[in-house]
Amino acid sequence: KGAKSMPRLKSVEGPKATSTSGLLPIEREQVETTTILQWQLANRDEEQQRHLDKT
């Protein structure tokens, strides 16, 4: 594991949870932003699929 490697995401119900202990504040913010963006993309993909299923 490298000094700057990202923590592994753990699969949970809903948005992904990750351990941010031991990270610098900027690293914690980057992890949180990445997690939020991944969650938003997954929701967008689900909405697009529902729309396609209706047509």
C-alpha atoms as a PDB file:
ATOM      1  CA  LYS A   1       0.000   0.000   0.000  1.00  0.00           C
ATOM      2  CA  GLY A   2       1.529   3.297  -1.081  1.00  0.00           C
ATOM      3  CA  ALA A   3       1.800   6.360   1.113  1.00  0.00           C
ATOM      4  CA  LYS A   4      -0.831   8.200  -0.942  1.00  0.00           C
ATOM      5  CA  SER A   5      -3.108   5.284  -1.834  1.00  0.00           C
ATOM      6  CA  MET A   6      -6.852   5.768  -1.455  1.00  0.00           C
ATOM      7  CA  PRO A   7      -8.702   3.774   1.194  1.00  0.00           C
ATOM      8  CA  ARG A   8     -10.759   0.868  -0.088  1.00  0.00           C
ATOM      9  CA  LEU A   9     -14.497   1.444  -0.316  1.00  0.00           C
ATOM     10  CA  LYS A  10     -16.730  -0.924   1.600  1.00  0.00           C
ATOM     11  CA  SER A  11     -20.034  -2.010   0.119  1.00  0.00           C
ATOM     12  CA  VAL A  12     -23.003  -1.053   2.268  1.00  0.00           C
ATOM     13  CA  GLU A  13     -26.680  -0.347   1.706  1.00  0.00           C
ATOM     14  CA  GLY A  14     -26.914   3.080   0.053  1.00  0.00           C
ATOM     15  CA  PRO A  15     -23.858   5.266  -0.554  1.00  0.00           C
ATOM     16  CA  LYS A  16     -20.460   3.677  -0.144  1.00  0.00           C
ATOM     17  CA  ALA A  17     -18.787   3.979   3.246  1.00  0.00           C
ATOM     18  CA  THR A  18     -15.068   4.364   3.642  1.00  0.00           C
ATOM     19  CA  SER A  19     -12.668   4.696   6.518  1.00  0.00           C
ATOM     20  CA  THR A  20     -11.120   8.149   6.601  1.00  0.00           C
ATOM     21  CA  SER A  21      -9.146   7.783   9.816  1.00  0.00           C
ATOM     22  CA  GLY A  22      -5.512   8.708   9.426  1.00  0.00           C
ATOM     23  CA  LEU A  23      -6.075  10.896   6.368  1.00  0.00           C
ATOM     24  CA  LEU A  24      -5.172  14.541   5.970  1.00  0.00           C
ATOM     25  CA  PRO A  25      -8.198  16.885   5.762  1.00  0.00           C
ATOM     26  CA  ILE A  26      -7.720  17.409   2.005  1.00  0.00           C
ATOM     27  CA  GLU A  27      -7.519  13.649   1.457  1.00  0.00           C
ATOM     28  CA  ARG A  28     -10.690  13.132   3.506  1.00  0.00           C
ATOM     29  CA  GLU A  29     -12.453  15.784   1.402  1.00  0.00           C
ATOM     30  CA  GLN A  30     -11.295  14.077  -1.801  1.00  0.00           C
ATOM     31  CA  VAL A  31     -12.623  10.716  -0.591  1.00  0.00           C
ATOM     32  CA  GLU A  32     -15.965  12.263   0.354  1.00  0.00           C
ATOM     33  CA  THR A  33     -16.252  14.086  -2.989  1.00  0.00           C
ATOM     34  CA  THR A  34     -15.391  10.931  -4.938  1.00  0.00           C
ATOM     35  CA  THR A  35     -17.935   8.919  -2.963  1.00  0.00           C
ATOM     36  CA  ILE A  36     -20.673  11.501  -3.559  1.00  0.00           C
ATOM     37  CA  LEU A  37     -19.912  11.666  -7.283  1.00  0.00           C
ATOM     38  CA  GLN A  38     -19.975   7.868  -7.609  1.00  0.00           C
ATOM     39  CA  TRP A  39     -23.328   7.782  -5.802  1.00  0.00           C
ATOM     40  CA  GLN A  40     -24.748  10.517  -8.068  1.00  0.00           C
ATOM     41  CA  LEU A  41     -23.568   8.688 -11.198  1.00  0.00           C
ATOM     42  CA  ALA A  42     -25.136   5.443 -10.011  1.00  0.00           C
ATOM     43  CA  ASN A  43     -28.443   7.236  -9.381  1.00  0.00           C
ATOM     44  CA  ARG A  44     -28.298   8.898 -12.798  1.00  0.00           C
ATOM     45  CA  ASP A  45     -27.633   5.560 -14.470  1.00  0.00           C
ATOM     46  CA  GLU A  46     -30.605   4.010 -12.647  1.00  0.00           C
ATOM     47  CA  GLU A  47     -32.880   6.878 -13.745  1.00  0.00           C
ATOM     48  CA  GLN A  48     -31.717   6.560 -17.353  1.00  0.00           C
ATOM     49  CA  GLN A  49     -32.321   2.815 -17.290  1.00  0.00           C
ATOM     50  CA  ARG A  50     -35.849   3.316 -15.904  1.00  0.00           C
ATOM     51  CA  HIS A  51     -36.521   5.829 -18.682  1.00  0.00           C
ATOM     52  CA  LEU A  52     -35.255   3.380 -21.315  1.00  0.00           C
ATOM     53  CA  ASP A  53     -37.380   0.593 -19.839  1.00  0.00           C
ATOM     54  CA  LYS A  54     -40.502   2.772 -20.258  1.00  0.00           C
ATOM     55  CA  THR A  55     -39.897   3.319 -23.975  1.00  0.00           C
END
